[in-house]
Amino acid sequence: MKSTFKRSSIAVILLFLLLFSCTAPEIKNTLPISVPEAEGVSSRGIITFLDSAAKSKNEFHSIMFLRHGKVIAEGWWNPYRPDLKHTLYSTSKSFTSTAVGFAVSEKKLNVNDKVISFFPEFLPDSISPYLAELKVKDLLSMSVGHDPDPTFYIVSRDSNWVKSFLSLPIKNEPGSKFLYNTLATYTLSAIIQKVTNEKVINYLTPRLFNPLGIKGIDWETDLRGINTGGWGLRLKTEDMAKFGQLFLQKGNWNGKQILPKEWVEEATTVKIFQSPDLTQSEKDSSDWLQGYCYQFWRCRHNAFRADGAYGQYIIVMPEKDAVIAITAESPDMQDELNLVWKYLLPAISDNKLPADEKSSSELKQRLSALALPLPSKSNEENIASKISGKSFMFTSNERHIRNISFQFSNDQCLVNFKTDAGAYDFSFAAGKWNTGETTLHGPSLLGGAKGSFVGLPPFVIAGAYTWKDRESLELTLRYIESPHTETILCHFDNNKIQVDFRESSNPGNKILPIKGLMQ
């Protein structure tokens, strides 16, 4: 029996390694490439930015810096990679706004159209004066008049978000007061689908994505098959940079006007101020008080940006002819922007700079070696051998986990979770990342929405493990097409186990540990 078990265990391990040990495909940049000094940017300034980013509280995942339409610096913090999509959160809103721009140019709608005109089948019995006058441009400028923001309440409870949106009381005159409202952006997505008979992602494909060479993207939908609009778009860092460059070039791409110049200007100029009563000094210290456009934010330094939770940015600087795309998990998004203004903005000169081969070479090396902290490699063969091949059973718990089993061999930890929904296999490595896929949903700001992640493919993950002490195993599970990471701490005490789940996106959210017994 022992030899049979050993042979089958080795076979399982080899299968896991085959499935989870992935080599990132080589990705060729489709944008022109140059060196910083040739485009008037200091390599040393970018290095200083990288140094400061490493010391900051922000976890960067990627950056791409364009000047004069050319890539002068790009890097991904391992295990994030250039071939992977990244969750954009509210940066998605700027793409929904662009879909509106195309629809306006094709005379499928007008920003002055009344919102109720699109959904007669979902109107409440009584239509208030404010609802009657609500226009598309009020949705675009986040000035619907709701108070408070209804998004999280509605999307987690209702399945018909349009009907719920139209039933909400509007307390302030539309267009008069700013309030960030992601459900308004979703409603824009629903309007686009209504007037084009296509989801936003499909409508944008021949008009935006194909001309820019953007492929392999996806976008979450609600239960009715409407793209979520205000979140849920996933694309690569280079795709983000291309989008920013398109807006920098006023809608022109490779000599062709694919998006009307008039719309680009309309969509990126101030429509409403967030807090008009604040002093100028208070406004000058924040990139969230420079004015809101049509699903774009104005920035300090006369820039504008697409902006997503946890620090997903497309920053466009017209006066500098520059675009910076960033993906991250940041607990302080203003601090992340401050790093850009403090180090990258001053690195940009009006004219070409003298060649600096030493700094340029160092920058290339630094960018190619970017990596997030890896759990330290440790060896606790005694406890590992005791639990290897063992399974632990749990009583009812909020994670809906019924069973966890472990298998250790050659610096690999193979873990199987059985939940109420199914079984999930994960591979964690010691001293490196094991990459793979899973259908198990990871942490997400809007993971509680009805139908969350519907239609998306399996999620790409990276796993590593370390022993915190002789009885405590820490599993780090990165969802590397999102900003987020889950840390799973397993404490063993003879035939007992206690498992503690921690989410990087919400470190203050204390999920109760679950306790189990060896079977």
Protein backbone atom coordinates (compact mmCIF):
# COMPACT_ATOMS: atom_id res chain seq x y z
CA MET A 1 0.00 0.00 0.00
CA LYS A 2 2.79 2.45 0.86
CA SER A 3 4.56 2.00 -2.49
CA THR A 4 1.29 2.35 -4.39
CA PHE A 5 0.46 5.53 -2.50
CA LYS A 6 3.95 6.89 -3.17
CA ARG A 7 3.74 6.21 -6.92
CA SER A 8 0.29 7.78 -7.18
CA SER A 9 1.44 10.80 -5.17
CA ILE A 10 4.39 11.34 -7.51
CA ALA A 11 2.07 11.08 -10.51
CA VAL A 12 -0.27 13.68 -9.01
CA ILE A 13 2.65 16.00 -8.28
CA LEU A 14 4.00 15.70 -11.82
CA LEU A 15 0.56 16.45 -13.20
CA PHE A 16 0.24 19.53 -10.99
CA LEU A 17 3.67 20.77 -12.06
CA LEU A 18 2.75 20.32 -15.70
CA LEU A 19 -0.46 22.27 -15.21
CA PHE A 20 0.87 25.05 -13.03
CA SER A 21 4.44 25.69 -14.21
CA CYS A 22 3.81 28.17 -17.00
CA THR A 23 6.38 30.11 -18.96
CA ALA A 24 5.22 33.57 -19.95
CA PRO A 25 4.98 33.91 -23.71
CA GLU A 26 7.20 36.50 -25.32
CA ILE A 27 5.21 39.66 -25.97
CA LYS A 28 6.35 42.07 -28.63
CA ASN A 29 5.46 45.70 -28.09
CA THR A 30 3.43 47.11 -30.97
CA LEU A 31 4.17 50.72 -30.02
CA PRO A 32 7.40 52.40 -31.21
CA ILE A 33 10.26 52.10 -28.73
CA SER A 34 12.91 54.68 -27.90
CA VAL A 35 15.30 55.57 -25.10
CA PRO A 36 14.35 58.26 -22.57
CA GLU A 37 17.02 60.83 -23.41
CA ALA A 38 16.20 60.72 -27.14
CA GLU A 39 12.66 61.79 -26.22
CA GLY A 40 13.73 64.41 -23.70
CA VAL A 41 13.30 62.35 -20.52
CA SER A 42 15.95 61.61 -17.90
CA SER A 43 16.65 57.92 -17.29
CA ARG A 44 18.00 58.92 -13.90
CA GLY A 45 14.67 60.54 -13.06
CA ILE A 46 12.81 57.32 -13.86
CA ILE A 47 15.26 55.35 -11.72
CA THR A 48 14.58 57.73 -8.85
CA PHE A 49 10.88 57.12 -9.31
CA LEU A 50 11.44 53.34 -9.12
CA ASP A 51 13.50 53.78 -5.95
CA SER A 52 10.78 55.88 -4.35
CA ALA A 53 8.04 53.49 -5.47
CA ALA A 54 9.91 50.62 -3.80
CA LYS A 55 9.98 52.55 -0.52
CA SER A 56 6.37 53.68 -0.70
CA LYS A 57 3.29 51.99 0.71
CA ASN A 58 2.03 51.33 -2.82
CA GLU A 59 2.42 47.96 -4.50
CA PHE A 60 3.12 48.61 -8.18
CA HIS A 61 2.34 45.91 -10.74
CA SER A 62 3.28 47.59 -14.02
CA ILE A 63 4.22 50.88 -15.61
CA MET A 64 4.53 52.08 -19.19
CA PHE A 65 5.85 55.58 -19.98
CA LEU A 66 5.24 57.07 -23.45
CA ARG A 67 6.80 60.28 -24.76
CA HIS A 68 6.14 61.60 -28.25
CA GLY A 69 4.20 58.40 -28.90
CA LYS A 70 7.12 56.11 -28.11
CA VAL A 71 7.66 53.71 -25.22
CA ILE A 72 10.66 54.96 -23.25
CA ALA A 73 10.22 52.79 -20.14
CA GLU A 74 8.12 49.75 -19.30
CA GLY A 75 8.23 47.21 -16.52
CA TRP A 76 6.21 44.57 -14.70
CA TRP A 77 6.80 43.56 -11.10
CA ASN A 78 7.10 39.75 -11.14
CA PRO A 79 4.83 37.71 -11.06
CA TYR A 80 2.82 40.27 -13.07
CA ARG A 81 3.60 40.04 -16.79
CA PRO A 82 3.13 42.02 -20.02
CA ASP A 83 0.98 39.32 -21.62
CA LEU A 84 -1.60 39.36 -18.83
CA LYS A 85 -4.74 41.43 -18.58
CA HIS A 86 -5.28 43.47 -15.42
CA THR A 87 -8.54 44.45 -13.76
CA LEU A 88 -9.08 48.17 -14.39
CA TYR A 89 -11.93 48.86 -11.97
CA SER A 90 -13.23 52.39 -12.71
CA THR A 91 -10.73 53.02 -15.48
CA SER A 92 -13.40 51.04 -17.36
CA LYS A 93 -15.61 54.14 -17.13
CA SER A 94 -13.48 56.06 -19.61
CA PHE A 95 -13.98 53.28 -22.18
CA THR A 96 -17.75 53.38 -21.62
CA SER A 97 -17.62 57.14 -22.12
CA THR A 98 -15.76 56.54 -25.38
CA ALA A 99 -18.51 54.19 -26.52
CA VAL A 100 -20.95 57.04 -25.92
CA GLY A 101 -18.69 59.27 -28.02
CA PHE A 102 -18.84 56.86 -30.93
CA ALA A 103 -22.62 56.56 -30.60
CA VAL A 104 -22.98 60.34 -30.57
CA SER A 105 -20.82 60.63 -33.69
CA GLU A 106 -23.02 58.03 -35.40
CA LYS A 107 -26.14 59.93 -34.31
CA LYS A 108 -27.45 56.99 -32.33
CA LEU A 109 -27.93 59.25 -29.32
CA ASN A 110 -27.27 62.75 -27.99
CA VAL A 111 -25.87 63.77 -24.61
CA ASN A 112 -29.01 65.88 -24.11
CA ASP A 113 -31.31 62.87 -24.57
CA LYS A 114 -33.51 62.12 -21.58
CA VAL A 115 -32.54 58.91 -19.79
CA ILE A 116 -36.17 57.78 -19.38
CA SER A 117 -36.60 57.80 -23.18
CA PHE A 118 -34.43 54.69 -23.50
CA PHE A 119 -36.25 52.48 -20.99
CA PRO A 120 -40.02 52.99 -21.10
CA GLU A 121 -40.49 49.38 -20.00
CA PHE A 122 -38.66 49.97 -16.70
CA LEU A 123 -40.09 53.32 -15.61
CA PRO A 124 -41.63 53.65 -12.15
CA ASP A 125 -45.36 54.32 -11.85
CA SER A 126 -44.63 57.88 -10.79
CA ILE A 127 -41.92 59.86 -12.61
CA SER A 128 -40.48 62.68 -10.53
CA PRO A 129 -39.58 66.01 -12.18
CA TYR A 130 -35.87 65.36 -11.59
CA LEU A 131 -36.03 61.90 -13.15
CA ALA A 132 -37.94 63.34 -16.10
CA GLU A 133 -35.18 65.88 -16.79
CA LEU A 134 -32.21 63.53 -16.19
CA LYS A 135 -29.99 63.55 -19.29
CA VAL A 136 -27.21 61.35 -20.67
CA LYS A 137 -24.70 64.11 -19.91
CA ASP A 138 -25.70 63.99 -16.24
CA LEU A 139 -24.73 60.32 -16.15
CA LEU A 140 -21.45 61.12 -17.92
CA SER A 141 -20.55 63.88 -15.46
CA MET A 142 -21.53 62.04 -12.26
CA SER A 143 -24.20 64.62 -11.48
CA VAL A 144 -27.31 62.41 -11.39
CA GLY A 145 -28.54 63.88 -8.11
CA HIS A 146 -28.58 60.69 -6.03
CA ASP A 147 -27.45 60.89 -2.42
CA PRO A 148 -25.85 58.63 -1.29
CA ASP A 149 -24.23 56.59 -4.08
CA PRO A 150 -26.60 53.64 -4.58
CA THR A 151 -24.20 51.37 -6.48
CA PHE A 152 -23.15 48.81 -3.88
CA TYR A 153 -26.65 48.51 -2.44
CA ILE A 154 -28.32 47.94 -5.82
CA VAL A 155 -25.83 45.63 -7.55
CA SER A 156 -25.63 43.26 -4.58
CA ARG A 157 -29.40 42.92 -4.14
CA ASP A 158 -31.18 43.40 -7.46
CA SER A 159 -30.93 41.62 -10.80
CA ASN A 160 -32.44 44.41 -12.96
CA TRP A 161 -30.09 47.30 -12.29
CA VAL A 162 -31.66 49.64 -14.87
CA LYS A 163 -35.09 49.33 -13.31
CA SER A 164 -33.61 49.85 -9.84
CA PHE A 165 -31.63 52.87 -11.01
CA LEU A 166 -34.76 54.52 -12.42
CA SER A 167 -36.72 53.83 -9.24
CA LEU A 168 -34.25 55.63 -6.98
CA PRO A 169 -35.19 59.04 -5.58
CA ILE A 170 -33.18 61.92 -7.06
CA LYS A 171 -32.60 64.43 -4.26
CA ASN A 172 -30.64 67.10 -6.13
CA GLU A 173 -31.30 68.72 -9.48
CA PRO A 174 -29.47 66.75 -12.18
CA GLY A 175 -26.30 68.48 -13.29
CA SER A 176 -26.01 70.55 -10.11
CA LYS A 177 -23.96 68.41 -7.73
CA PHE A 178 -21.15 65.89 -8.15
CA LEU A 179 -21.48 62.48 -6.56
CA TYR A 180 -19.46 59.51 -7.78
CA ASN A 181 -22.00 57.00 -9.00
CA THR A 182 -20.85 53.81 -10.70
CA LEU A 183 -24.44 52.75 -11.33
CA ALA A 184 -24.73 55.81 -13.59
CA THR A 185 -21.92 54.43 -15.75
CA TYR A 186 -23.59 51.04 -15.86
CA THR A 187 -26.72 52.81 -17.10
CA LEU A 188 -24.66 54.39 -19.89
CA SER A 189 -23.57 50.88 -20.86
CA ALA A 190 -27.21 49.79 -20.90
CA ILE A 191 -28.11 52.77 -23.08
CA ILE A 192 -25.36 51.90 -25.57
CA GLN A 193 -26.64 48.34 -25.75
CA LYS A 194 -30.18 49.60 -26.23
CA VAL A 195 -29.35 51.90 -29.17
CA THR A 196 -26.79 49.65 -30.88
CA ASN A 197 -28.08 46.14 -30.03
CA GLU A 198 -24.52 45.31 -28.99
CA LYS A 199 -22.73 45.06 -25.69
CA VAL A 200 -20.24 47.88 -25.18
CA ILE A 201 -17.28 45.53 -25.65
CA ASN A 202 -18.65 44.37 -29.01
CA TYR A 203 -19.59 47.88 -30.11
CA LEU A 204 -16.09 49.15 -29.30
CA THR A 205 -14.24 46.28 -30.96
CA PRO A 206 -14.31 47.46 -34.60
CA ARG A 207 -14.27 51.15 -33.65
CA LEU A 208 -11.60 51.25 -30.92
CA PHE A 209 -10.00 47.95 -30.02
CA ASN A 210 -9.24 46.67 -33.53
CA PRO A 211 -7.74 49.94 -34.84
CA LEU A 212 -5.48 50.14 -31.75
CA GLY A 213 -4.49 46.47 -31.99
CA ILE A 214 -6.06 45.66 -28.63
CA LYS A 215 -6.88 41.95 -28.39
CA GLY A 216 -7.79 39.34 -25.81
CA ILE A 217 -9.80 41.64 -23.55
CA ASP A 218 -12.92 40.80 -21.56
CA TRP A 219 -15.55 42.72 -19.62
CA GLU A 220 -17.90 41.57 -16.90
CA THR A 221 -21.65 41.63 -17.47
CA ASP A 222 -24.68 41.71 -15.24
CA LEU A 223 -27.20 38.87 -15.18
CA ARG A 224 -29.01 40.43 -18.14
CA GLY A 225 -25.93 40.35 -20.37
CA ILE A 226 -25.07 44.06 -20.16
CA ASN A 227 -21.42 45.03 -19.64
CA THR A 228 -21.01 46.49 -16.16
CA GLY A 229 -19.66 49.71 -17.68
CA GLY A 230 -18.24 51.28 -14.56
CA TRP A 231 -15.95 48.37 -13.78
CA GLY A 232 -15.01 44.89 -14.99
CA LEU A 233 -12.92 45.66 -18.09
CA ARG A 234 -9.61 43.76 -18.22
CA LEU A 235 -6.83 44.55 -20.67
CA LYS A 236 -3.03 44.78 -20.80
CA THR A 237 -0.84 47.67 -19.69
CA GLU A 238 0.16 48.40 -23.28
CA ASP A 239 -3.54 48.59 -24.19
CA MET A 240 -4.03 51.19 -21.46
CA ALA A 241 -1.12 53.21 -22.86
CA LYS A 242 -2.55 53.03 -26.37
CA PHE A 243 -5.89 54.34 -25.15
CA GLY A 244 -4.15 57.24 -23.44
CA GLN A 245 -2.11 57.96 -26.55
CA LEU A 246 -5.27 58.01 -28.67
CA PHE A 247 -6.70 60.74 -26.44
CA LEU A 248 -3.39 62.60 -26.42
CA GLN A 249 -3.59 62.59 -30.24
CA LYS A 250 -7.17 63.92 -30.13
CA GLY A 251 -8.64 60.67 -31.47
CA ASN A 252 -6.18 60.22 -34.33
CA TRP A 253 -4.41 56.87 -34.79
CA ASN A 254 -1.88 56.12 -37.50
CA GLY A 255 -3.08 59.09 -39.50
CA LYS A 256 -6.77 58.17 -39.27
CA GLN A 257 -9.34 60.01 -37.16
CA ILE A 258 -11.03 57.05 -35.47
CA LEU A 259 -12.68 59.11 -32.68
CA PRO A 260 -13.90 62.65 -33.38
CA LYS A 261 -11.55 65.33 -32.08
CA GLU A 262 -14.56 67.25 -30.81
CA TRP A 263 -15.59 64.34 -28.60
CA VAL A 264 -12.09 63.93 -27.14
CA GLU A 265 -12.07 67.60 -26.16
CA GLU A 266 -15.63 67.43 -24.83
CA ALA A 267 -14.95 64.28 -22.81
CA THR A 268 -11.75 65.56 -21.15
CA THR A 269 -12.73 69.11 -20.16
CA VAL A 270 -14.31 70.04 -16.83
CA LYS A 271 -18.06 69.62 -16.54
CA ILE A 272 -18.45 69.91 -12.77
CA PHE A 273 -16.29 70.53 -9.72
CA GLN A 274 -16.30 68.02 -6.89
CA SER A 275 -16.17 70.46 -3.97
CA PRO A 276 -16.54 74.02 -5.27
CA ASP A 277 -16.65 75.54 -1.78
CA LEU A 278 -13.14 74.45 -0.77
CA THR A 279 -10.28 76.92 -0.70
CA GLN A 280 -7.83 77.05 -3.58
CA SER A 281 -5.03 75.73 -1.38
CA GLU A 282 -7.17 72.69 -0.49
CA LYS A 283 -7.92 72.09 -4.16
CA ASP A 284 -4.27 72.43 -5.13
CA SER A 285 -3.27 69.52 -2.91
CA SER A 286 -5.62 66.95 -4.44
CA ASP A 287 -5.99 65.32 -7.84
CA TRP A 288 -9.63 64.60 -6.96
CA LEU A 289 -10.59 68.26 -6.79
CA GLN A 290 -9.53 69.46 -10.22
CA GLY A 291 -12.89 68.87 -11.88
CA TYR A 292 -14.71 65.91 -13.41
CA CYS A 293 -15.31 65.47 -17.13
CA TYR A 294 -17.18 62.77 -19.02
CA GLN A 295 -15.93 59.75 -17.05
CA PHE A 296 -12.42 61.22 -16.96
CA TRP A 297 -10.79 63.16 -14.12
CA ARG A 298 -8.79 66.34 -14.49
CA CYS A 299 -5.42 66.25 -12.70
CA ARG A 300 -3.03 68.81 -11.41
CA HIS A 301 -0.42 70.05 -13.91
CA ASN A 302 -3.14 70.43 -16.55
CA ALA A 303 -3.32 66.68 -17.14
CA PHE A 304 -6.29 64.33 -17.20
CA ARG A 305 -6.68 60.66 -16.37
CA ALA A 306 -8.72 57.49 -16.42
CA ASP A 307 -8.80 56.32 -12.83
CA GLY A 308 -9.54 52.96 -11.20
CA ALA A 309 -9.66 51.72 -7.61
CA TYR A 310 -6.39 50.67 -5.98
CA GLY A 311 -4.36 52.79 -8.43
CA GLN A 312 -5.13 51.79 -12.02
CA TYR A 313 -4.19 54.91 -13.98
CA ILE A 314 -3.96 56.20 -17.52
CA ILE A 315 -2.41 59.65 -17.11
CA VAL A 316 -2.37 61.94 -20.14
CA MET A 317 -0.16 65.05 -20.06
CA PRO A 318 -0.88 67.12 -23.19
CA GLU A 319 1.62 69.87 -22.32
CA LYS A 320 4.38 67.26 -22.05
CA ASP A 321 3.21 65.04 -24.93
CA ALA A 322 3.37 62.11 -22.52
CA VAL A 323 1.24 59.19 -21.32
CA ILE A 324 1.83 57.05 -18.25
CA ALA A 325 -0.09 53.82 -17.62
CA ILE A 326 0.11 52.18 -14.20
CA THR A 327 -1.44 49.12 -12.58
CA ALA A 328 -1.10 48.64 -8.85
CA GLU A 329 -2.66 47.84 -5.53
CA SER A 330 -2.38 51.09 -3.64
CA PRO A 331 -3.88 51.91 -0.24
CA ASP A 332 -3.38 55.63 -0.99
CA MET A 333 -4.08 56.57 -4.59
CA GLN A 334 -3.11 60.22 -4.06
CA ASP A 335 0.28 59.11 -2.78
CA GLU A 336 0.73 57.04 -5.93
CA LEU A 337 0.00 60.09 -8.10
CA ASN A 338 2.29 62.22 -5.95
CA LEU A 339 5.18 59.94 -6.93
CA VAL A 340 4.43 60.62 -10.59
CA TRP A 341 4.35 64.38 -10.09
CA LYS A 342 7.40 64.44 -7.84
CA TYR A 343 9.73 62.24 -9.89
CA LEU A 344 8.46 61.54 -13.41
CA LEU A 345 7.06 64.96 -14.30
CA PRO A 346 10.36 66.80 -13.53
CA ALA A 347 12.24 64.16 -15.56
CA ILE A 348 10.53 65.45 -18.73
CA SER A 349 12.37 68.19 -20.63
CA ASP A 350 11.19 70.28 -23.55
CA ASN A 351 14.11 69.23 -25.71
CA LYS A 352 16.11 66.11 -26.48
CA LEU A 353 18.68 65.30 -23.78
CA PRO A 354 22.31 64.24 -24.23
CA ALA A 355 22.76 60.48 -24.35
CA ASP A 356 23.32 58.91 -20.93
CA GLU A 357 24.28 55.33 -21.70
CA LYS A 358 25.17 54.51 -18.11
CA SER A 359 21.80 55.59 -16.70
CA SER A 360 19.91 54.19 -19.67
CA SER A 361 21.57 50.80 -19.23
CA GLU A 362 20.91 50.83 -15.50
CA LEU A 363 17.26 51.71 -16.12
CA LYS A 364 16.82 48.77 -18.49
CA GLN A 365 18.32 46.42 -15.92
CA ARG A 366 16.14 47.82 -13.17
CA LEU A 367 12.98 47.53 -15.23
CA SER A 368 13.74 43.95 -16.26
CA ALA A 369 14.44 42.93 -12.65
CA LEU A 370 11.31 44.39 -11.04
CA ALA A 371 9.71 41.94 -8.62
CA LEU A 372 7.34 41.90 -5.70
CA PRO A 373 8.57 40.42 -2.41
CA LEU A 374 8.64 36.64 -2.52
CA PRO A 375 7.84 34.61 0.59
CA SER A 376 11.11 33.33 2.02
CA LYS A 377 12.04 29.74 1.39
CA SER A 378 11.97 27.68 4.57
CA ASN A 379 12.20 24.00 5.38
CA GLU A 380 10.06 22.23 7.92
CA GLU A 381 10.24 18.67 6.65
CA ASN A 382 9.07 17.22 9.95
CA ILE A 383 5.66 18.83 10.02
CA ALA A 384 5.35 18.74 6.22
CA SER A 385 5.82 14.98 6.18
CA LYS A 386 3.18 14.58 8.88
CA ILE A 387 0.47 16.44 7.00
CA SER A 388 1.44 15.47 3.45
CA GLY A 389 -1.30 13.33 1.95
CA LYS A 390 -3.63 14.22 4.82
CA SER A 391 -7.05 15.81 4.60
CA PHE A 392 -8.81 18.09 7.10
CA MET A 393 -12.58 18.40 7.41
CA PHE A 394 -14.49 21.52 8.51
CA THR A 395 -17.91 22.20 9.90
CA SER A 396 -20.12 24.92 8.40
CA ASN A 397 -18.22 28.22 7.92
CA GLU A 398 -18.56 31.54 6.09
CA ARG A 399 -15.99 30.47 3.48
CA HIS A 400 -18.11 27.40 2.63
CA ILE A 401 -15.01 25.18 2.82
CA ARG A 402 -15.67 21.52 3.57
CA ASN A 403 -12.24 20.00 3.19
CA ILE A 404 -8.56 20.91 2.66
CA SER A 405 -5.80 18.47 1.77
CA PHE A 406 -2.04 18.95 1.36
CA GLN A 407 0.70 17.23 -0.62
CA PHE A 408 4.39 18.18 -0.24
CA SER A 409 7.28 17.18 -2.50
CA ASN A 410 10.42 18.85 -3.90
CA ASP A 411 9.61 22.35 -2.66
CA GLN A 412 6.06 22.09 -3.96
CA CYS A 413 2.92 22.31 -1.86
CA LEU A 414 -0.21 21.08 -3.59
CA VAL A 415 -3.45 22.10 -1.93
CA ASN A 416 -6.98 21.01 -2.71
CA PHE A 417 -9.97 22.98 -1.43
CA LYS A 418 -13.41 21.42 -1.49
CA THR A 419 -16.21 23.94 -1.08
CA ASP A 420 -19.98 23.87 -1.41
CA ALA A 421 -19.48 24.90 -5.05
CA GLY A 422 -16.80 22.38 -6.06
CA ALA A 423 -13.15 21.34 -5.73
CA TYR A 424 -10.17 23.59 -6.52
CA ASP A 425 -6.49 22.66 -6.89
CA PHE A 426 -3.64 25.06 -6.19
CA SER A 427 0.12 24.71 -6.50
CA PHE A 428 2.44 26.72 -4.27
CA ALA A 429 6.24 26.74 -4.59
CA ALA A 430 8.98 27.46 -2.07
CA GLY A 431 11.27 30.32 -3.08
CA LYS A 432 9.48 31.05 -6.37
CA TRP A 433 6.05 31.54 -7.90
CA ASN A 434 4.03 28.71 -9.40
CA THR A 435 1.59 30.07 -11.99
CA GLY A 436 -1.67 28.47 -13.00
CA GLU A 437 -5.40 29.04 -13.31
CA THR A 438 -8.46 28.68 -11.15
CA THR A 439 -12.19 29.20 -11.43
CA LEU A 440 -12.39 30.13 -7.74
CA HIS A 441 -13.26 33.79 -7.39
CA GLY A 442 -10.62 35.92 -5.69
CA PRO A 443 -10.95 39.16 -3.74
CA SER A 444 -12.76 41.95 -5.57
CA LEU A 445 -14.20 45.32 -4.64
CA LEU A 446 -17.42 44.45 -6.47
CA GLY A 447 -17.32 40.70 -5.96
CA GLY A 448 -20.66 40.92 -4.17
CA ALA A 449 -22.49 42.10 -7.27
CA LYS A 450 -25.20 39.80 -8.63
CA GLY A 451 -23.60 37.68 -11.36
CA SER A 452 -20.10 38.86 -10.51
CA PHE A 453 -17.48 37.44 -12.93
CA VAL A 454 -20.16 35.85 -15.11
CA GLY A 455 -18.70 34.75 -18.43
CA LEU A 456 -15.06 35.37 -17.57
CA PRO A 457 -12.43 32.69 -18.22
CA PRO A 458 -10.45 31.04 -15.38
CA PHE A 459 -8.32 33.46 -13.39
CA VAL A 460 -4.53 33.43 -13.69
CA ILE A 461 -2.83 32.96 -10.32
CA ALA A 462 0.64 32.73 -8.80
CA GLY A 463 1.31 30.81 -5.59
CA ALA A 464 4.18 30.56 -3.13
CA TYR A 465 4.47 29.12 0.37
CA THR A 466 6.64 29.50 3.43
CA TRP A 467 6.69 28.10 6.96
CA LYS A 468 6.26 30.96 9.43
CA ASP A 469 7.27 28.61 12.24
CA ARG A 470 7.30 24.85 12.87
CA GLU A 471 3.51 24.70 13.01
CA SER A 472 2.34 27.53 10.73
CA LEU A 473 2.19 27.34 6.94
CA GLU A 474 1.59 30.55 4.98
CA LEU A 475 0.20 30.28 1.45
CA THR A 476 0.36 33.40 -0.75
CA LEU A 477 -2.12 33.33 -3.62
CA ARG A 478 -1.85 36.21 -6.07
CA TYR A 479 -4.63 36.77 -8.58
CA ILE A 480 -2.28 38.32 -11.13
CA GLU A 481 -4.95 39.58 -13.52
CA SER A 482 -6.27 41.67 -10.65
CA PRO A 483 -4.66 43.95 -8.08
CA HIS A 484 -5.34 41.54 -5.25
CA THR A 485 -3.72 38.81 -3.18
CA GLU A 486 -5.07 36.33 -0.67
CA THR A 487 -2.89 35.07 2.16
CA ILE A 488 -3.91 31.81 3.81
CA LEU A 489 -2.31 30.99 7.16
CA CYS A 490 -2.67 27.37 8.27
CA HIS A 491 -1.79 26.53 11.87
CA PHE A 492 -1.41 22.81 12.71
CA ASP A 493 -1.79 21.34 16.19
CA ASN A 494 -1.56 17.55 16.12
CA ASN A 495 -4.71 16.46 14.27
CA LYS A 496 -6.26 19.95 14.32
CA ILE A 497 -6.02 22.84 11.85
CA GLN A 498 -6.96 26.51 12.01
CA VAL A 499 -7.06 28.46 8.74
CA ASP A 500 -7.02 32.26 8.57
CA PHE A 501 -7.79 34.03 5.27
CA ARG A 502 -6.54 37.58 4.71
CA GLU A 503 -7.25 39.78 1.68
CA SER A 504 -4.78 42.45 0.58
CA SER A 505 -7.64 44.56 -0.76
CA ASN A 506 -9.24 44.83 2.66
CA PRO A 507 -6.68 44.24 5.41
CA GLY A 508 -9.08 45.55 8.05
CA ASN A 509 -11.72 42.97 7.17
CA LYS A 510 -11.30 40.32 9.81
CA ILE A 511 -12.61 37.03 8.52
CA LEU A 512 -13.03 34.55 11.33
CA PRO A 513 -10.55 31.65 11.19
CA ILE A 514 -12.06 28.28 10.40
CA LYS A 515 -11.15 25.19 12.38
CA GLY A 516 -11.04 21.57 11.28
CA LEU A 517 -9.93 18.08 12.15
CA MET A 518 -7.75 15.57 10.32
CA GLN A 519 -9.83 12.86 8.69
